[in-house]
Amino acid sequence: MTIIVLVIVIIKKLWILLFLTPFVIYPFAWSGHYFFEKNKPAAFKNPFLAKISDWIMLKDILCGKLKIW
């Protein structure tokens, strides 16, 4: 979802919204950690590492190394 918003921001040249793209999906992920997994997201301690991990996971999904359904 974040990638879709990022593509729209770039295509429409809405550069001011570029800063808001990380906040599109994070509230959903953080609430899932809090309510369902009962833990604290890694993004609170190291947001840069958490974002890199997101990109690595996307690569693994696209390459077929990680099945999502």
PDB file of N, CA and C in Angstrom:
ATOM      1  N   MET A   1       0.823  -1.183   0.000  1.00  0.00           N
ATOM      2  CA  MET A   1       0.000   0.000   0.000  1.00  0.00           C
ATOM      3  C   MET A   1       0.875   1.257   0.000  1.00  0.00           C
ATOM      4  N   THR A   2       1.939   1.222   0.769  1.00  0.00           N
ATOM      5  CA  THR A   2       2.842   2.370   0.794  1.00  0.00           C
ATOM      6  C   THR A   2       3.457   2.596  -0.576  1.00  0.00           C
ATOM      7  N   ILE A   3       3.794   1.516  -1.264  1.00  0.00           N
ATOM      8  CA  ILE A   3       4.395   1.639  -2.588  1.00  0.00           C
ATOM      9  C   ILE A   3       3.402   2.255  -3.568  1.00  0.00           C
ATOM     10  N   ILE A   4       2.147   1.882  -3.476  1.00  0.00           N
ATOM     11  CA  ILE A   4       1.120   2.458  -4.346  1.00  0.00           C
ATOM     12  C   ILE A   4       1.006   3.957  -4.102  1.00  0.00           C
ATOM     13  N   VAL A   5       0.960   4.353  -2.851  1.00  0.00           N
ATOM     14  CA  VAL A   5       0.886   5.779  -2.524  1.00  0.00           C
ATOM     15  C   VAL A   5       2.131   6.499  -3.025  1.00  0.00           C
ATOM     16  N   LEU A   6       3.287   5.877  -2.869  1.00  0.00           N
ATOM     17  CA  LEU A   6       4.531   6.474  -3.342  1.00  0.00           C
ATOM     18  C   LEU A   6       4.511   6.674  -4.856  1.00  0.00           C
ATOM     19  N   VAL A   7       4.027   5.694  -5.595  1.00  0.00           N
ATOM     20  CA  VAL A   7       3.933   5.815  -7.054  1.00  0.00           C
ATOM     21  C   VAL A   7       2.979   6.939  -7.442  1.00  0.00           C
ATOM     22  N   ILE A   8       1.847   7.035  -6.768  1.00  0.00           N
ATOM     23  CA  ILE A   8       0.887   8.106  -7.054  1.00  0.00           C
ATOM     24  C   ILE A   8       1.494   9.470  -6.766  1.00  0.00           C
ATOM     25  N   VAL A   9       2.209   9.583  -5.653  1.00  0.00           N
ATOM     26  CA  VAL A   9       2.857  10.855  -5.300  1.00  0.00           C
ATOM     27  C   VAL A   9       3.857  11.256  -6.377  1.00  0.00           C
ATOM     28  N   ILE A  10       4.620  10.290  -6.883  1.00  0.00           N
ATOM     29  CA  ILE A  10       5.623  10.592  -7.908  1.00  0.00           C
ATOM     30  C   ILE A  10       4.958  10.942  -9.239  1.00  0.00           C
ATOM     31  N   ILE A  11       3.952  10.163  -9.635  1.00  0.00           N
ATOM     32  CA  ILE A  11       3.274  10.426 -10.915  1.00  0.00           C
ATOM     33  C   ILE A  11       2.568  11.776 -10.896  1.00  0.00           C
ATOM     34  N   LYS A  12       1.878  12.064  -9.805  1.00  0.00           N
ATOM     35  CA  LYS A  12       1.126  13.323  -9.704  1.00  0.00           C
ATOM     36  C   LYS A  12       2.005  14.506  -9.287  1.00  0.00           C
ATOM     37  N   LYS A  13       3.267  14.211  -8.947  1.00  0.00           N
ATOM     38  CA  LYS A  13       4.225  15.236  -8.520  1.00  0.00           C
ATOM     39  C   LYS A  13       3.733  16.028  -7.309  1.00  0.00           C
ATOM     40  N   LEU A  14       3.211  15.289  -6.339  1.00  0.00           N
ATOM     41  CA  LEU A  14       2.746  15.880  -5.086  1.00  0.00           C
ATOM     42  C   LEU A  14       3.850  15.719  -4.052  1.00  0.00           C
ATOM     43  N   TRP A  15       4.940  16.406  -4.260  1.00  0.00           N
ATOM     44  CA  TRP A  15       6.152  16.199  -3.479  1.00  0.00           C
ATOM     45  C   TRP A  15       5.955  16.443  -1.986  1.00  0.00           C
ATOM     46  N   ILE A  16       5.059  17.317  -1.614  1.00  0.00           N
ATOM     47  CA  ILE A  16       4.835  17.604  -0.196  1.00  0.00           C
ATOM     48  C   ILE A  16       4.269  16.368   0.520  1.00  0.00           C
ATOM     49  N   LEU A  17       3.543  15.526  -0.210  1.00  0.00           N
ATOM     50  CA  LEU A  17       2.972  14.315   0.386  1.00  0.00           C
ATOM     51  C   LEU A  17       3.988  13.186   0.510  1.00  0.00           C
ATOM     52  N   LEU A  18       5.156  13.359  -0.074  1.00  0.00           N
ATOM     53  CA  LEU A  18       6.199  12.342  -0.002  1.00  0.00           C
ATOM     54  C   LEU A  18       6.571  12.031   1.445  1.00  0.00           C
ATOM     55  N   PHE A  19       6.532  13.026   2.292  1.00  0.00           N
ATOM     56  CA  PHE A  19       6.886  12.844   3.696  1.00  0.00           C
ATOM     57  C   PHE A  19       5.828  12.061   4.472  1.00  0.00           C
ATOM     58  N   LEU A  20       4.629  11.969   3.942  1.00  0.00           N
ATOM     59  CA  LEU A  20       3.546  11.273   4.628  1.00  0.00           C
ATOM     60  C   LEU A  20       3.432   9.799   4.238  1.00  0.00           C
ATOM     61  N   THR A  21       4.130   9.375   3.186  1.00  0.00           N
ATOM     62  CA  THR A  21       3.962   8.001   2.711  1.00  0.00           C
ATOM     63  C   THR A  21       4.288   6.925   3.747  1.00  0.00           C
ATOM     64  N   PRO A  22       5.297   7.091   4.607  1.00  0.00           N
ATOM     65  CA  PRO A  22       5.525   6.023   5.592  1.00  0.00           C
ATOM     66  C   PRO A  22       4.375   5.844   6.572  1.00  0.00           C
ATOM     67  N   PHE A  23       3.571   6.870   6.751  1.00  0.00           N
ATOM     68  CA  PHE A  23       2.493   6.811   7.735  1.00  0.00           C
ATOM     69  C   PHE A  23       1.210   6.215   7.176  1.00  0.00           C
ATOM     70  N   VAL A  24       1.236   5.794   5.915  1.00  0.00           N
ATOM     71  CA  VAL A  24       0.045   5.205   5.309  1.00  0.00           C
ATOM     72  C   VAL A  24      -0.223   3.826   5.893  1.00  0.00           C
ATOM     73  N   ILE A  25       0.794   3.011   6.024  1.00  0.00           N
ATOM     74  CA  ILE A  25       0.607   1.633   6.456  1.00  0.00           C
ATOM     75  C   ILE A  25       1.042   1.384   7.897  1.00  0.00           C
ATOM     76  N   TYR A  26       1.957   2.176   8.413  1.00  0.00           N
ATOM     77  CA  TYR A  26       2.486   1.915   9.750  1.00  0.00           C
ATOM     78  C   TYR A  26       1.432   1.883  10.856  1.00  0.00           C
ATOM     79  N   PRO A  27       0.428   2.750  10.861  1.00  0.00           N
ATOM     80  CA  PRO A  27      -0.582   2.638  11.940  1.00  0.00           C
ATOM     81  C   PRO A  27      -1.272   1.270  11.980  1.00  0.00           C
ATOM     82  N   PHE A  28      -1.503   0.681  10.813  1.00  0.00           N
ATOM     83  CA  PHE A  28      -2.132  -0.642  10.785  1.00  0.00           C
ATOM     84  C   PHE A  28      -1.175  -1.703  11.306  1.00  0.00           C
ATOM     85  N   ALA A  29       0.078  -1.629  10.900  1.00  0.00           N
ATOM     86  CA  ALA A  29       1.071  -2.608  11.355  1.00  0.00           C
ATOM     87  C   ALA A  29       1.301  -2.485  12.857  1.00  0.00           C
ATOM     88  N   TRP A  30       1.424  -1.271  13.349  1.00  0.00           N
ATOM     89  CA  TRP A  30       1.682  -1.070  14.771  1.00  0.00           C
ATOM     90  C   TRP A  30       0.513  -1.546  15.622  1.00  0.00           C
ATOM     91  N   SER A  31      -0.715  -1.276  15.177  1.00  0.00           N
ATOM     92  CA  SER A  31      -1.868  -1.741  15.952  1.00  0.00           C
ATOM     93  C   SER A  31      -1.940  -3.270  15.939  1.00  0.00           C
ATOM     94  N   GLY A  32      -1.534  -3.902  14.829  1.00  0.00           N
ATOM     95  CA  GLY A  32      -1.485  -5.368  14.776  1.00  0.00           C
ATOM     96  C   GLY A  32      -0.481  -5.924  15.766  1.00  0.00           C
ATOM     97  N   HIS A  33       0.683  -5.281  15.858  1.00  0.00           N
ATOM     98  CA  HIS A  33       1.679  -5.712  16.837  1.00  0.00           C
ATOM     99  C   HIS A  33       1.120  -5.584  18.258  1.00  0.00           C
ATOM    100  N   TYR A  34       0.492  -4.460  18.538  1.00  0.00           N
ATOM    101  CA  TYR A  34       0.020  -4.189  19.898  1.00  0.00           C
ATOM    102  C   TYR A  34      -1.143  -5.111  20.294  1.00  0.00           C
ATOM    103  N   PHE A  35      -2.162  -5.221  19.439  1.00  0.00           N
ATOM    104  CA  PHE A  35      -3.375  -5.942  19.815  1.00  0.00           C
ATOM    105  C   PHE A  35      -3.291  -7.454  19.599  1.00  0.00           C
ATOM    106  N   PHE A  36      -2.612  -7.895  18.542  1.00  0.00           N
ATOM    107  CA  PHE A  36      -2.618  -9.322  18.209  1.00  0.00           C
ATOM    108  C   PHE A  36      -1.346 -10.049  18.640  1.00  0.00           C
ATOM    109  N   GLU A  37      -0.197  -9.441  18.383  1.00  0.00           N
ATOM    110  CA  GLU A  37       1.060 -10.123  18.693  1.00  0.00           C
ATOM    111  C   GLU A  37       1.569  -9.803  20.094  1.00  0.00           C
ATOM    112  N   LYS A  38       1.019  -8.772  20.710  1.00  0.00           N
ATOM    113  CA  LYS A  38       1.380  -8.367  22.080  1.00  0.00           C
ATOM    114  C   LYS A  38       2.876  -8.057  22.217  1.00  0.00           C
ATOM    115  N   ASN A  39       3.422  -7.344  21.226  1.00  0.00           N
ATOM    116  CA  ASN A  39       4.831  -6.953  21.291  1.00  0.00           C
ATOM    117  C   ASN A  39       5.012  -5.543  20.722  1.00  0.00           C
ATOM    118  N   LYS A  40       6.216  -5.055  20.795  1.00  0.00           N
ATOM    119  CA  LYS A  40       6.517  -3.713  20.306  1.00  0.00           C
ATOM    120  C   LYS A  40       7.226  -3.837  18.956  1.00  0.00           C
ATOM    121  N   PRO A  41       6.783  -3.080  17.930  1.00  0.00           N
ATOM    122  CA  PRO A  41       7.420  -3.159  16.618  1.00  0.00           C
ATOM    123  C   PRO A  41       8.885  -2.726  16.660  1.00  0.00           C
ATOM    124  N   ALA A  42       9.685  -3.336  15.808  1.00  0.00           N
ATOM    125  CA  ALA A  42      11.101  -2.981  15.711  1.00  0.00           C
ATOM    126  C   ALA A  42      11.284  -1.555  15.199  1.00  0.00           C
ATOM    127  N   ALA A  43      10.292  -1.035  14.512  1.00  0.00           N
ATOM    128  CA  ALA A  43      10.386   0.316  13.949  1.00  0.00           C
ATOM    129  C   ALA A  43      10.507   1.383  15.038  1.00  0.00           C
ATOM    130  N   PHE A  44      10.098   1.061  16.256  1.00  0.00           N
ATOM    131  CA  PHE A  44      10.232   2.038  17.336  1.00  0.00           C
ATOM    132  C   PHE A  44      11.691   2.228  17.731  1.00  0.00           C
ATOM    133  N   LYS A  45      12.472   1.139  17.668  1.00  0.00           N
ATOM    134  CA  LYS A  45      13.873   1.229  18.053  1.00  0.00           C
ATOM    135  C   LYS A  45      14.760   1.674  16.903  1.00  0.00           C
ATOM    136  N   ASN A  46      14.509   1.140  15.711  1.00  0.00           N
ATOM    137  CA  ASN A  46      15.347   1.444  14.562  1.00  0.00           C
ATOM    138  C   ASN A  46      14.478   1.510  13.302  1.00  0.00           C
ATOM    139  N   PRO A  47      13.876   2.659  13.020  1.00  0.00           N
ATOM    140  CA  PRO A  47      12.962   2.764  11.877  1.00  0.00           C
ATOM    141  C   PRO A  47      13.645   2.524  10.529  1.00  0.00           C
ATOM    142  N   PHE A  48      14.921   2.894  10.416  1.00  0.00           N
ATOM    143  CA  PHE A  48      15.634   2.687   9.157  1.00  0.00           C
ATOM    144  C   PHE A  48      15.800   1.195   8.873  1.00  0.00           C
ATOM    145  N   LEU A  49      16.189   0.431   9.870  1.00  0.00           N
ATOM    146  CA  LEU A  49      16.342  -1.015   9.713  1.00  0.00           C
ATOM    147  C   LEU A  49      14.995  -1.677   9.423  1.00  0.00           C
ATOM    148  N   ALA A  50      13.943  -1.189  10.040  1.00  0.00           N
ATOM    149  CA  ALA A  50      12.613  -1.746   9.802  1.00  0.00           C
ATOM    150  C   ALA A  50      12.185  -1.523   8.353  1.00  0.00           C
ATOM    151  N   LYS A  51      12.477  -0.359   7.799  1.00  0.00           N
ATOM    152  CA  LYS A  51      12.102  -0.070   6.413  1.00  0.00           C
ATOM    153  C   LYS A  51      12.929  -0.906   5.446  1.00  0.00           C
ATOM    154  N   ILE A  52      14.224  -1.092   5.744  1.00  0.00           N
ATOM    155  CA  ILE A  52      15.055  -1.956   4.902  1.00  0.00           C
ATOM    156  C   ILE A  52      14.497  -3.383   4.919  1.00  0.00           C
ATOM    157  N   SER A  53      14.074  -3.839   6.083  1.00  0.00           N
ATOM    158  CA  SER A  53      13.502  -5.183   6.195  1.00  0.00           C
ATOM    159  C   SER A  53      12.224  -5.308   5.380  1.00  0.00           C
ATOM    160  N   ASP A  54      11.419  -4.252   5.338  1.00  0.00           N
ATOM    161  CA  ASP A  54      10.210  -4.247   4.510  1.00  0.00           C
ATOM    162  C   ASP A  54      10.554  -4.446   3.043  1.00  0.00           C
ATOM    163  N   TRP A  55      11.585  -3.766   2.558  1.00  0.00           N
ATOM    164  CA  TRP A  55      11.991  -3.877   1.156  1.00  0.00           C
ATOM    165  C   TRP A  55      12.552  -5.266   0.864  1.00  0.00           C
ATOM    166  N   ILE A  56      13.302  -5.833   1.795  1.00  0.00           N
ATOM    167  CA  ILE A  56      13.840  -7.187   1.604  1.00  0.00           C
ATOM    168  C   ILE A  56      12.701  -8.197   1.549  1.00  0.00           C
ATOM    169  N   MET A  57      11.706  -8.032   2.422  1.00  0.00           N
ATOM    170  CA  MET A  57      10.566  -8.935   2.406  1.00  0.00           C
ATOM    171  C   MET A  57       9.785  -8.806   1.096  1.00  0.00           C
ATOM    172  N   LEU A  58       9.619  -7.599   0.573  1.00  0.00           N
ATOM    173  CA  LEU A  58       8.942  -7.411  -0.703  1.00  0.00           C
ATOM    174  C   LEU A  58       9.712  -8.120  -1.819  1.00  0.00           C
ATOM    175  N   LYS A  59      11.043  -7.989  -1.818  1.00  0.00           N
ATOM    176  CA  LYS A  59      11.872  -8.674  -2.813  1.00  0.00           C
ATOM    177  C   LYS A  59      11.669 -10.183  -2.721  1.00  0.00           C
ATOM    178  N   ASP A  60      11.647 -10.719  -1.507  1.00  0.00           N
ATOM    179  CA  ASP A  60      11.457 -12.159  -1.319  1.00  0.00           C
ATOM    180  C   ASP A  60      10.075 -12.610  -1.797  1.00  0.00           C
ATOM    181  N   ILE A  61       9.067 -11.797  -1.592  1.00  0.00           N
ATOM    182  CA  ILE A  61       7.721 -12.121  -2.080  1.00  0.00           C
ATOM    183  C   ILE A  61       7.704 -12.135  -3.598  1.00  0.00           C
ATOM    184  N   LEU A  62       8.299 -11.113  -4.219  1.00  0.00           N
ATOM    185  CA  LEU A  62       8.294 -11.015  -5.677  1.00  0.00           C
ATOM    186  C   LEU A  62       9.135 -12.118  -6.326  1.00  0.00           C
ATOM    187  N   CYS A  63      10.173 -12.577  -5.645  1.00  0.00           N
ATOM    188  CA  CYS A  63      11.026 -13.645  -6.175  1.00  0.00           C
ATOM    189  C   CYS A  63      10.472 -15.034  -5.876  1.00  0.00           C
ATOM    190  N   GLY A  64       9.408 -15.101  -5.093  1.00  0.00           N
ATOM    191  CA  GLY A  64       8.812 -16.393  -4.762  1.00  0.00           C
ATOM    192  C   GLY A  64       9.441 -17.103  -3.599  1.00  0.00           C
ATOM    193  N   LYS A  65      10.353 -16.457  -2.887  1.00  0.00           N
ATOM    194  CA  LYS A  65      10.989 -17.084  -1.740  1.00  0.00           C
ATOM    195  C   LYS A  65      10.084 -17.089  -0.507  1.00  0.00           C
ATOM    196  N   LEU A  66       9.127 -16.174  -0.474  1.00  0.00           N
ATOM    197  CA  LEU A  66       8.216 -16.051   0.655  1.00  0.00           C
ATOM    198  C   LEU A  66       6.789 -16.103   0.144  1.00  0.00           C
ATOM    199  N   LYS A  67       6.046 -17.075   0.585  1.00  0.00           N
ATOM    200  CA  LYS A  67       4.644 -17.215   0.176  1.00  0.00           C
ATOM    201  C   LYS A  67       3.766 -16.413   1.124  1.00  0.00           C
ATOM    202  N   ILE A  68       2.853 -15.630   0.572  1.00  0.00           N
ATOM    203  CA  ILE A  68       1.983 -14.829   1.425  1.00  0.00           C
ATOM    204  C   ILE A  68       0.573 -15.381   1.502  1.00  0.00           C
ATOM    205  N   TRP A  69       0.225 -16.333   0.638  1.00  0.00           N
ATOM    206  CA  TRP A  69      -1.056 -17.027   0.739  1.00  0.00           C
ATOM    207  C   TRP A  69      -0.987 -18.366   0.110  1.00  0.00           C
TER     208      TRP A  69
END
